[in-house]
Amino acid sequence: MPARVLVLRTAGTNCDLETARAVELAGGAAERLHVRTLLDGGRRLDEFGGLFIPGGFSYGDDLGAGTVLGNQLGTKLGDDLRDFIRRGRPVVGICNGFQVLVRLGILPGTGPGGERLATLMENESGRFEDRWVRLRVETSICPFLEKGRILEMPVAHKEGRFIVKDGPTLEALEHGGQVAFRYLETDSDAPAQAFPANPNGSMAAIAGVVNSQGNVVGLMPHPERFVRALQHPAWTRRAAGKGLPADAERSGDGFPFFAALMRHIACA
C-alpha cells in the first residue's frame, strides 16, 4: 500500500500541487484538501499517515506569515494535531508551512510555561528573496533525513529569518539534534555567515528544524521544487557536459527527502 499523505491547502497556498506531485513521484498517495474540510469535520486528520503543510502565502500573510492558518489549526484542530504527532506520524512544513508550525509552537517546541522558543522574522535584506541555496542535513534524530547530505534547493520567502529566544535555547537545540538543516557557503561546506548564501540572516545559518520527537520537520527551502533534474537552473549546462540522469524525473536533490519519507510512512 502506498503511503497516504494529506497535503493541506487554504486561500493563498500555492505549492500544494508541486508537493502532491513530489509525493506521487516518490511512490506515495497524496490527497489535497482545503483546511475547511477538516475544520467542518468532513474528513479527519487520523485518516492519513503523514501531513504536509506546503508553501505559499496562506490568507495573504496579512497578519504575519502563517499566523491565520496557525490560529485555525491551533484553536480548532490542536488536540487532533498534537495526537497525530504523539503517535509518531510525520508532519512536514515547507516555507509557509514551517512558519505555521513555528507560530503554533510545535517547532522547535515550547518552554516550561508554554512560551514559544523561536520565531521566523522578516529577512535581513528587508525584501522577498527568491534564489538557490546550498544546505546540509544536520540531524540524526529524524528517521527520514540523512545526516551529512548536502543539497541544493530554492528559497522564496520574505519572513524566513529563524531566531531563537536566547543563547541557551540555541545551545539546547544544537545539543538535542533539533537543527535539521543549515545553510552553507557557496564555495565551501562551512555554515553560511552572510547574504546571499544565508538568504535571510537566520541565527547559526539554520534553514530548518525538527521537534524533539524527530517526526515534525520544518524548513524554508523548497524540496518539492527540485525533484526533477530539469528544475535546476543549470540543467542545460549539466546535460551538455554529462547528459541527463537516467531517471531525470527523480534526480533532483529534493527527491530523496520525499522518497525516504514515503518509505518511513509505508513501514510505520
C-alpha atoms as a PDB file:
ATOM      1  CA  MET A   1       0.000   0.000   0.000  1.00  0.00           C
ATOM      2  CA  PRO A   2       1.402   3.445  -0.879  1.00  0.00           C
ATOM      3  CA  ALA A   3       1.885   5.934   1.922  1.00  0.00           C
ATOM      4  CA  ARG A   4      -1.272   8.031   2.229  1.00  0.00           C
ATOM      5  CA  VAL A   5      -0.436  11.691   2.770  1.00  0.00           C
ATOM      6  CA  LEU A   6      -2.543  14.792   3.331  1.00  0.00           C
ATOM      7  CA  VAL A   7      -1.394  17.970   1.566  1.00  0.00           C
ATOM      8  CA  LEU A   8      -3.221  20.772   3.349  1.00  0.00           C
ATOM      9  CA  ARG A   9      -4.197  23.902   1.455  1.00  0.00           C
ATOM     10  CA  THR A  10      -6.117  27.077   2.025  1.00  0.00           C
ATOM     11  CA  ALA A  11      -6.543  30.509   0.467  1.00  0.00           C
ATOM     12  CA  GLY A  12      -3.103  31.677  -0.654  1.00  0.00           C
ATOM     13  CA  THR A  13      -1.398  28.278  -0.643  1.00  0.00           C
ATOM     14  CA  ASN A  14       0.446  27.902  -3.941  1.00  0.00           C
ATOM     15  CA  CYS A  15       2.788  24.905  -3.589  1.00  0.00           C
ATOM     16  CA  ASP A  16       0.243  22.169  -2.921  1.00  0.00           C
ATOM     17  CA  LEU A  17       0.264  20.818  -6.493  1.00  0.00           C
ATOM     18  CA  GLU A  18       4.060  20.571  -6.588  1.00  0.00           C
ATOM     19  CA  THR A  19       4.130  18.939  -3.162  1.00  0.00           C
ATOM     20  CA  ALA A  20       1.480  16.400  -4.129  1.00  0.00           C
ATOM     21  CA  ARG A  21       3.355  15.620  -7.356  1.00  0.00           C
ATOM     22  CA  ALA A  22       6.596  15.065  -5.436  1.00  0.00           C
ATOM     23  CA  VAL A  23       4.799  12.677  -3.067  1.00  0.00           C
ATOM     24  CA  GLU A  24       3.398  10.728  -6.023  1.00  0.00           C
ATOM     25  CA  LEU A  25       6.778  10.562  -7.812  1.00  0.00           C
ATOM     26  CA  ALA A  26       8.166   9.094  -4.584  1.00  0.00           C
ATOM     27  CA  GLY A  27       5.511   6.378  -4.580  1.00  0.00           C
ATOM     28  CA  GLY A  28       3.056   7.912  -2.142  1.00  0.00           C
ATOM     29  CA  ALA A  29      -0.633   8.721  -2.491  1.00  0.00           C
ATOM     30  CA  ALA A  30      -1.298  12.434  -1.954  1.00  0.00           C
ATOM     31  CA  GLU A  31      -4.670  13.983  -1.276  1.00  0.00           C
ATOM     32  CA  ARG A  32      -5.032  17.750  -1.420  1.00  0.00           C
ATOM     33  CA  LEU A  33      -7.655  19.013   0.998  1.00  0.00           C
ATOM     34  CA  HIS A  34      -8.789  22.505   1.938  1.00  0.00           C
ATOM     35  CA  VAL A  35      -8.413  23.159   5.667  1.00  0.00           C
ATOM     36  CA  ARG A  36     -12.146  23.878   5.856  1.00  0.00           C
ATOM     37  CA  THR A  37     -12.827  20.192   5.172  1.00  0.00           C
ATOM     38  CA  LEU A  38     -11.050  19.309   8.412  1.00  0.00           C
ATOM     39  CA  LEU A  39     -12.474  22.227  10.375  1.00  0.00           C
ATOM     40  CA  ASP A  40     -16.032  21.252   9.406  1.00  0.00           C
ATOM     41  CA  GLY A  41     -15.466  17.598  10.278  1.00  0.00           C
ATOM     42  CA  GLY A  42     -15.895  16.310   6.739  1.00  0.00           C
ATOM     43  CA  ARG A  43     -12.539  14.498   6.978  1.00  0.00           C
ATOM     44  CA  ARG A  44     -10.251  13.568   9.865  1.00  0.00           C
ATOM     45  CA  LEU A  45      -6.513  14.005  10.221  1.00  0.00           C
ATOM     46  CA  ASP A  46      -6.098  10.459  11.529  1.00  0.00           C
ATOM     47  CA  GLU A  47      -7.147   9.082   8.129  1.00  0.00           C
ATOM     48  CA  PHE A  48      -3.631   9.860   6.887  1.00  0.00           C
ATOM     49  CA  GLY A  49      -0.164   8.550   7.544  1.00  0.00           C
ATOM     50  CA  GLY A  50       1.518  11.927   7.134  1.00  0.00           C
ATOM     51  CA  LEU A  51       0.768  15.625   6.789  1.00  0.00           C
ATOM     52  CA  PHE A  52       2.329  18.285   4.574  1.00  0.00           C
ATOM     53  CA  ILE A  53       1.677  21.979   5.118  1.00  0.00           C
ATOM     54  CA  PRO A  54       3.079  23.397   1.872  1.00  0.00           C
ATOM     55  CA  GLY A  55       4.396  26.779   0.887  1.00  0.00           C
ATOM     56  CA  GLY A  56       2.612  29.877  -0.289  1.00  0.00           C
ATOM     57  CA  PHE A  57       1.054  32.869   1.420  1.00  0.00           C
ATOM     58  CA  SER A  58      -1.831  31.495   3.446  1.00  0.00           C
ATOM     59  CA  TYR A  59      -4.519  34.164   3.838  1.00  0.00           C
ATOM     60  CA  GLY A  60      -2.116  36.597   2.206  1.00  0.00           C
ATOM     61  CA  ASP A  61       0.117  36.568   5.313  1.00  0.00           C
ATOM     62  CA  ASP A  62      -1.870  39.687   6.211  1.00  0.00           C
ATOM     63  CA  LEU A  63      -1.351  39.244   9.977  1.00  0.00           C
ATOM     64  CA  GLY A  64       2.134  37.797   9.600  1.00  0.00           C
ATOM     65  CA  ALA A  65       3.347  34.743   7.716  1.00  0.00           C
ATOM     66  CA  GLY A  66       1.412  31.638   8.750  1.00  0.00           C
ATOM     67  CA  THR A  67      -0.449  33.404  11.561  1.00  0.00           C
ATOM     68  CA  VAL A  68      -4.066  32.900  10.484  1.00  0.00           C
ATOM     69  CA  LEU A  69      -3.662  29.269   9.423  1.00  0.00           C
ATOM     70  CA  GLY A  70      -1.717  28.583  12.607  1.00  0.00           C
ATOM     71  CA  ASN A  71      -4.545  30.056  14.683  1.00  0.00           C
ATOM     72  CA  GLN A  72      -7.124  27.977  12.820  1.00  0.00           C
ATOM     73  CA  LEU A  73      -5.208  24.756  13.365  1.00  0.00           C
ATOM     74  CA  GLY A  74      -4.400  25.575  16.972  1.00  0.00           C
ATOM     75  CA  THR A  75      -7.901  26.518  18.072  1.00  0.00           C
ATOM     76  CA  LYS A  76      -9.955  24.022  16.072  1.00  0.00           C
ATOM     77  CA  LEU A  77      -7.618  21.097  15.439  1.00  0.00           C
ATOM     78  CA  GLY A  78      -4.975  21.483  18.130  1.00  0.00           C
ATOM     79  CA  ASP A  79      -5.831  18.288  20.018  1.00  0.00           C
ATOM     80  CA  ASP A  80      -6.053  16.249  16.822  1.00  0.00           C
ATOM     81  CA  LEU A  81      -2.727  17.595  15.569  1.00  0.00           C
ATOM     82  CA  ARG A  82      -0.952  17.010  18.882  1.00  0.00           C
ATOM     83  CA  ASP A  83      -2.310  13.449  18.995  1.00  0.00           C
ATOM     84  CA  PHE A  84      -1.209  12.884  15.386  1.00  0.00           C
ATOM     85  CA  ILE A  85       2.309  13.951  16.352  1.00  0.00           C
ATOM     86  CA  ARG A  86       2.380  11.971  19.619  1.00  0.00           C
ATOM     87  CA  ARG A  87       1.542   8.841  17.636  1.00  0.00           C
ATOM     88  CA  GLY A  88       4.724   9.376  15.613  1.00  0.00           C
ATOM     89  CA  ARG A  89       3.128  10.347  12.319  1.00  0.00           C
ATOM     90  CA  PRO A  90       5.285  12.702  10.251  1.00  0.00           C
ATOM     91  CA  VAL A  91       4.399  16.363   9.753  1.00  0.00           C
ATOM     92  CA  VAL A  92       6.360  18.499   7.276  1.00  0.00           C
ATOM     93  CA  GLY A  93       6.036  22.254   6.960  1.00  0.00           C
ATOM     94  CA  ILE A  94       7.701  23.834   3.931  1.00  0.00           C
ATOM     95  CA  CYS A  95       8.224  27.613   3.860  1.00  0.00           C
ATOM     96  CA  ASN A  96       4.778  28.943   4.824  1.00  0.00           C
ATOM     97  CA  GLY A  97       4.102  25.571   6.432  1.00  0.00           C
ATOM     98  CA  PHE A  98       7.258  25.982   8.533  1.00  0.00           C
ATOM     99  CA  GLN A  99       6.010  29.419   9.561  1.00  0.00           C
ATOM    100  CA  VAL A 100       2.677  27.842  10.601  1.00  0.00           C
ATOM    101  CA  LEU A 101       4.381  25.195  12.760  1.00  0.00           C
ATOM    102  CA  VAL A 102       6.574  27.800  14.436  1.00  0.00           C
ATOM    103  CA  ARG A 103       3.551  30.038  15.141  1.00  0.00           C
ATOM    104  CA  LEU A 104       1.843  27.018  16.730  1.00  0.00           C
ATOM    105  CA  GLY A 105       4.856  26.378  18.973  1.00  0.00           C
ATOM    106  CA  ILE A 106       5.170  22.855  17.566  1.00  0.00           C
ATOM    107  CA  LEU A 107       8.584  23.769  16.157  1.00  0.00           C
ATOM    108  CA  PRO A 108      11.010  23.753  17.719  1.00  0.00           C
ATOM    109  CA  GLY A 109       8.803  23.348  20.821  1.00  0.00           C
ATOM    110  CA  THR A 110       7.744  25.446  23.786  1.00  0.00           C
ATOM    111  CA  GLY A 111       9.276  26.425  27.099  1.00  0.00           C
ATOM    112  CA  PRO A 112       8.184  25.291  30.588  1.00  0.00           C
ATOM    113  CA  GLY A 113       5.429  27.916  30.672  1.00  0.00           C
ATOM    114  CA  GLY A 114       4.236  27.164  27.156  1.00  0.00           C
ATOM    115  CA  GLU A 115       6.065  30.141  25.640  1.00  0.00           C
ATOM    116  CA  ARG A 116       7.367  29.916  22.089  1.00  0.00           C
ATOM    117  CA  LEU A 117      11.103  29.411  21.833  1.00  0.00           C
ATOM    118  CA  ALA A 118      11.604  30.698  18.286  1.00  0.00           C
ATOM    119  CA  THR A 119      10.137  32.806  15.534  1.00  0.00           C
ATOM    120  CA  LEU A 120      10.595  33.498  11.842  1.00  0.00           C
ATOM    121  CA  MET A 121      11.163  37.169  11.167  1.00  0.00           C
ATOM    122  CA  GLU A 122      11.471  39.334   8.078  1.00  0.00           C
ATOM    123  CA  ASN A 123      14.619  38.720   6.061  1.00  0.00           C
ATOM    124  CA  GLU A 124      17.544  40.936   6.983  1.00  0.00           C
ATOM    125  CA  SER A 125      17.507  42.264   3.421  1.00  0.00           C
ATOM    126  CA  GLY A 126      14.006  43.619   4.032  1.00  0.00           C
ATOM    127  CA  ARG A 127      12.723  42.091   0.825  1.00  0.00           C
ATOM    128  CA  PHE A 128      11.420  38.885  -0.704  1.00  0.00           C
ATOM    129  CA  GLU A 129      14.307  36.533  -1.541  1.00  0.00           C
ATOM    130  CA  ASP A 130      13.987  34.085  -4.421  1.00  0.00           C
ATOM    131  CA  ARG A 131      17.289  32.279  -5.022  1.00  0.00           C
ATOM    132  CA  TRP A 132      19.021  28.907  -4.904  1.00  0.00           C
ATOM    133  CA  VAL A 133      20.967  27.941  -1.788  1.00  0.00           C
ATOM    134  CA  ARG A 134      23.139  25.105  -0.541  1.00  0.00           C
ATOM    135  CA  LEU A 135      22.277  23.346   2.700  1.00  0.00           C
ATOM    136  CA  ARG A 136      23.265  20.328   4.749  1.00  0.00           C
ATOM    137  CA  VAL A 137      21.239  17.896   6.838  1.00  0.00           C
ATOM    138  CA  GLU A 138      22.469  18.322  10.410  1.00  0.00           C
ATOM    139  CA  THR A 139      20.294  15.981  12.484  1.00  0.00           C
ATOM    140  CA  SER A 140      20.324  12.266  13.202  1.00  0.00           C
ATOM    141  CA  ILE A 141      17.099  12.125  15.251  1.00  0.00           C
ATOM    142  CA  CYS A 142      14.760  12.276  12.239  1.00  0.00           C
ATOM    143  CA  PRO A 143      14.287   8.833  10.635  1.00  0.00           C
ATOM    144  CA  PHE A 144      13.710  10.193   7.130  1.00  0.00           C
ATOM    145  CA  LEU A 145      16.648  12.599   6.978  1.00  0.00           C
ATOM    146  CA  GLU A 146      20.201  11.529   6.164  1.00  0.00           C
ATOM    147  CA  LYS A 147      22.696  13.421   8.296  1.00  0.00           C
ATOM    148  CA  GLY A 148      25.514  14.957   6.282  1.00  0.00           C
ATOM    149  CA  ARG A 149      23.696  15.026   2.932  1.00  0.00           C
ATOM    150  CA  ILE A 150      24.396  18.272   1.045  1.00  0.00           C
ATOM    151  CA  LEU A 151      21.587  19.668  -1.083  1.00  0.00           C
ATOM    152  CA  GLU A 152      20.728  22.487  -3.448  1.00  0.00           C
ATOM    153  CA  MET A 153      17.234  23.953  -3.272  1.00  0.00           C
ATOM    154  CA  PRO A 154      15.465  27.224  -3.986  1.00  0.00           C
ATOM    155  CA  VAL A 155      14.105  29.577  -1.346  1.00  0.00           C
ATOM    156  CA  ALA A 156      11.255  32.014  -1.910  1.00  0.00           C
ATOM    157  CA  HIS A 157      10.159  33.979   1.149  1.00  0.00           C
ATOM    158  CA  LYS A 158      10.184  37.311   2.938  1.00  0.00           C
ATOM    159  CA  GLU A 159       9.876  36.074   6.531  1.00  0.00           C
ATOM    160  CA  GLY A 160      12.444  33.307   6.837  1.00  0.00           C
ATOM    161  CA  ARG A 161      14.946  34.576   9.423  1.00  0.00           C
ATOM    162  CA  PHE A 162      14.986  31.930  12.148  1.00  0.00           C
ATOM    163  CA  ILE A 163      15.581  33.482  15.564  1.00  0.00           C
ATOM    164  CA  VAL A 164      15.516  31.730  18.934  1.00  0.00           C
ATOM    165  CA  LYS A 165      14.724  33.150  22.340  1.00  0.00           C
ATOM    166  CA  ASP A 166      18.286  33.228  23.699  1.00  0.00           C
ATOM    167  CA  GLY A 167      21.697  31.597  23.647  1.00  0.00           C
ATOM    168  CA  PRO A 168      20.796  28.695  25.977  1.00  0.00           C
ATOM    169  CA  THR A 169      17.812  27.856  23.749  1.00  0.00           C
ATOM    170  CA  LEU A 170      20.057  27.707  20.690  1.00  0.00           C
ATOM    171  CA  GLU A 171      22.539  25.557  22.573  1.00  0.00           C
ATOM    172  CA  ALA A 172      19.757  23.176  23.625  1.00  0.00           C
ATOM    173  CA  LEU A 173      18.532  22.841  20.014  1.00  0.00           C
ATOM    174  CA  GLU A 174      22.044  22.120  18.790  1.00  0.00           C
ATOM    175  CA  HIS A 175      22.756  19.631  21.579  1.00  0.00           C
ATOM    176  CA  GLY A 176      19.403  17.889  21.127  1.00  0.00           C
ATOM    177  CA  GLY A 177      19.843  17.411  17.390  1.00  0.00           C
ATOM    178  CA  GLN A 178      16.914  19.694  16.566  1.00  0.00           C
ATOM    179  CA  VAL A 179      18.773  21.721  13.949  1.00  0.00           C
ATOM    180  CA  ALA A 180      17.652  19.845  10.844  1.00  0.00           C
ATOM    181  CA  PHE A 181      19.194  21.911   8.020  1.00  0.00           C
ATOM    182  CA  ARG A 182      21.876  24.576   7.838  1.00  0.00           C
ATOM    183  CA  TYR A 183      22.688  26.983   5.008  1.00  0.00           C
ATOM    184  CA  LEU A 184      26.182  26.511   3.565  1.00  0.00           C
ATOM    185  CA  GLU A 185      28.587  28.885   1.864  1.00  0.00           C
ATOM    186  CA  THR A 186      28.508  28.729  -1.921  1.00  0.00           C
ATOM    187  CA  ASP A 187      32.155  27.690  -2.211  1.00  0.00           C
ATOM    188  CA  SER A 188      32.655  25.556   0.912  1.00  0.00           C
ATOM    189  CA  ASP A 189      30.786  23.367   3.376  1.00  0.00           C
ATOM    190  CA  ALA A 190      31.061  25.913   6.169  1.00  0.00           C
ATOM    191  CA  PRO A 191      27.862  27.386   7.652  1.00  0.00           C
ATOM    192  CA  ALA A 192      26.794  30.437   5.670  1.00  0.00           C
ATOM    193  CA  GLN A 193      27.516  33.568   7.662  1.00  0.00           C
ATOM    194  CA  ALA A 194      26.189  36.260   5.386  1.00  0.00           C
ATOM    195  CA  PHE A 195      23.895  37.101   2.493  1.00  0.00           C
ATOM    196  CA  PRO A 196      23.302  35.689  -0.085  1.00  0.00           C
ATOM    197  CA  ALA A 197      24.400  32.192   0.996  1.00  0.00           C
ATOM    198  CA  ASN A 198      22.384  32.773   4.161  1.00  0.00           C
ATOM    199  CA  PRO A 199      19.408  34.326   2.361  1.00  0.00           C
ATOM    200  CA  ASN A 200      17.560  35.678   5.383  1.00  0.00           C
ATOM    201  CA  GLY A 201      20.059  36.173   8.209  1.00  0.00           C
ATOM    202  CA  SER A 202      18.965  33.159  10.264  1.00  0.00           C
ATOM    203  CA  MET A 203      20.825  32.548  13.515  1.00  0.00           C
ATOM    204  CA  ALA A 204      23.562  29.917  13.187  1.00  0.00           C
ATOM    205  CA  ALA A 205      22.624  29.588   9.488  1.00  0.00           C
ATOM    206  CA  ILE A 206      19.581  27.479  10.461  1.00  0.00           C
ATOM    207  CA  ALA A 207      17.409  26.600   7.447  1.00  0.00           C
ATOM    208  CA  GLY A 208      15.111  24.125   9.198  1.00  0.00           C
ATOM    209  CA  VAL A 209      14.435  22.396  12.496  1.00  0.00           C
ATOM    210  CA  VAL A 210      12.871  19.201  13.825  1.00  0.00           C
ATOM    211  CA  ASN A 211      10.880  18.584  17.006  1.00  0.00           C
ATOM    212  CA  SER A 212      12.433  16.659  19.892  1.00  0.00           C
ATOM    213  CA  GLN A 213      10.476  13.530  18.899  1.00  0.00           C
ATOM    214  CA  GLY A 214      12.023  13.621  15.422  1.00  0.00           C
ATOM    215  CA  ASN A 215       8.835  13.366  13.364  1.00  0.00           C
ATOM    216  CA  VAL A 216       7.970  17.025  12.691  1.00  0.00           C
ATOM    217  CA  VAL A 217      10.228  18.873  10.257  1.00  0.00           C
ATOM    218  CA  GLY A 218      10.071  22.461   9.060  1.00  0.00           C
ATOM    219  CA  LEU A 219      12.324  24.128   6.522  1.00  0.00           C
ATOM    220  CA  MET A 220      12.355  27.319   4.476  1.00  0.00           C
ATOM    221  CA  PRO A 221      13.889  25.882   1.244  1.00  0.00           C
ATOM    222  CA  HIS A 222      11.555  24.080  -1.159  1.00  0.00           C
ATOM    223  CA  PRO A 223      12.420  20.385  -1.779  1.00  0.00           C
ATOM    224  CA  GLU A 224       9.288  19.990  -3.934  1.00  0.00           C
ATOM    225  CA  ARG A 225      10.724  22.473  -6.420  1.00  0.00           C
ATOM    226  CA  PHE A 226      13.737  20.292  -7.168  1.00  0.00           C
ATOM    227  CA  VAL A 227      12.635  16.697  -7.613  1.00  0.00           C
ATOM    228  CA  ARG A 228      13.298  16.657 -11.383  1.00  0.00           C
ATOM    229  CA  ALA A 229      16.697  17.262 -12.958  1.00  0.00           C
ATOM    230  CA  LEU A 230      15.193  19.826 -15.342  1.00  0.00           C
ATOM    231  CA  GLN A 231      14.108  22.048 -12.446  1.00  0.00           C
ATOM    232  CA  HIS A 232      17.684  23.123 -11.740  1.00  0.00           C
ATOM    233  CA  PRO A 233      18.581  26.449 -13.402  1.00  0.00           C
ATOM    234  CA  ALA A 234      21.834  24.969 -14.739  1.00  0.00           C
ATOM    235  CA  TRP A 235      20.337  21.794 -16.154  1.00  0.00           C
ATOM    236  CA  THR A 236      21.247  22.626 -19.745  1.00  0.00           C
ATOM    237  CA  ARG A 237      24.931  23.110 -18.855  1.00  0.00           C
ATOM    238  CA  ARG A 238      24.890  19.908 -16.811  1.00  0.00           C
ATOM    239  CA  ALA A 239      23.216  17.998 -19.645  1.00  0.00           C
ATOM    240  CA  ALA A 240      25.733  19.342 -22.165  1.00  0.00           C
ATOM    241  CA  GLY A 241      28.596  18.079 -20.017  1.00  0.00           C
ATOM    242  CA  LYS A 242      27.324  14.778 -18.626  1.00  0.00           C
ATOM    243  CA  GLY A 243      23.922  14.219 -20.190  1.00  0.00           C
ATOM    244  CA  LEU A 244      20.705  13.952 -18.241  1.00  0.00           C
ATOM    245  CA  PRO A 245      20.455  11.360 -15.438  1.00  0.00           C
ATOM    246  CA  ALA A 246      18.852   8.047 -16.342  1.00  0.00           C
ATOM    247  CA  ASP A 247      15.751   8.949 -14.327  1.00  0.00           C
ATOM    248  CA  ALA A 248      15.524  12.705 -14.847  1.00  0.00           C
ATOM    249  CA  GLU A 249      12.075  12.792 -13.226  1.00  0.00           C
ATOM    250  CA  ARG A 250      13.531  11.705  -9.884  1.00  0.00           C
ATOM    251  CA  SER A 251      17.062  13.096  -9.881  1.00  0.00           C
ATOM    252  CA  GLY A 252      16.682  16.433  -8.086  1.00  0.00           C
ATOM    253  CA  ASP A 253      18.118  16.944  -4.608  1.00  0.00           C
ATOM    254  CA  GLY A 254      14.623  17.172  -3.126  1.00  0.00           C
ATOM    255  CA  PHE A 255      13.543  13.735  -4.324  1.00  0.00           C
ATOM    256  CA  PRO A 256      15.412  11.637  -1.703  1.00  0.00           C
ATOM    257  CA  PHE A 257      13.637  13.621   1.025  1.00  0.00           C
ATOM    258  CA  PHE A 258      10.215  12.607  -0.308  1.00  0.00           C
ATOM    259  CA  ALA A 259      11.315   9.048  -1.092  1.00  0.00           C
ATOM    260  CA  ALA A 260      12.667   8.462   2.418  1.00  0.00           C
ATOM    261  CA  LEU A 261       9.544   9.940   3.962  1.00  0.00           C
ATOM    262  CA  MET A 262       7.222   7.741   1.878  1.00  0.00           C
ATOM    263  CA  ARG A 263       9.229   4.632   2.869  1.00  0.00           C
ATOM    264  CA  HIS A 264       9.049   5.659   6.503  1.00  0.00           C
ATOM    265  CA  ILE A 265       5.258   6.110   6.415  1.00  0.00           C
ATOM    266  CA  ALA A 266       4.702   2.879   4.481  1.00  0.00           C
ATOM    267  CA  CYS A 267       6.718   0.913   7.043  1.00  0.00           C
ATOM    268  CA  ALA A 268       5.132   2.522  10.102  1.00  0.00           C
END
